[in-house]
């Protein structure tokens, strides 16, 4: 549940109307991109993994298209260093994650190396930039 404009105004010392205007301006500028609900799937048996994938440059576009179009993949980042892509995937079970590994990750073209880390627990997880 989102905090009300009035409550934000009380915390910041400005009026509800001013809070609303400032938030709308931040939304219009694209600084606030979206509002979302985050569900902790760990208790439901979900498996969350990060993949570090180093790819030959001439396959990068094709690999990002494949990963982008897969529902198991939740985030894709192009990063500096040895690894070219940092990919987050969430599956409903270990079996589903293993299927994803065999049918998607293992078949990606141009992969030089790939490592997978399973997330065991969340210690700190900040969403977005704290202003």
Foldseek 3Di string as FASTA:
>chain_A
DDDALCVVCVVVVHHSVVSVVVVVVCCVVCVDPDDDDDDDCVVQAKWKKKKFWAFDVVQVVVLVVLLVPDPQWDDWDQDDDRTGIITMGMDSHPVRVVVCCVPRVVPRPGTPDMDMDIDDDDDDDDDHDDD
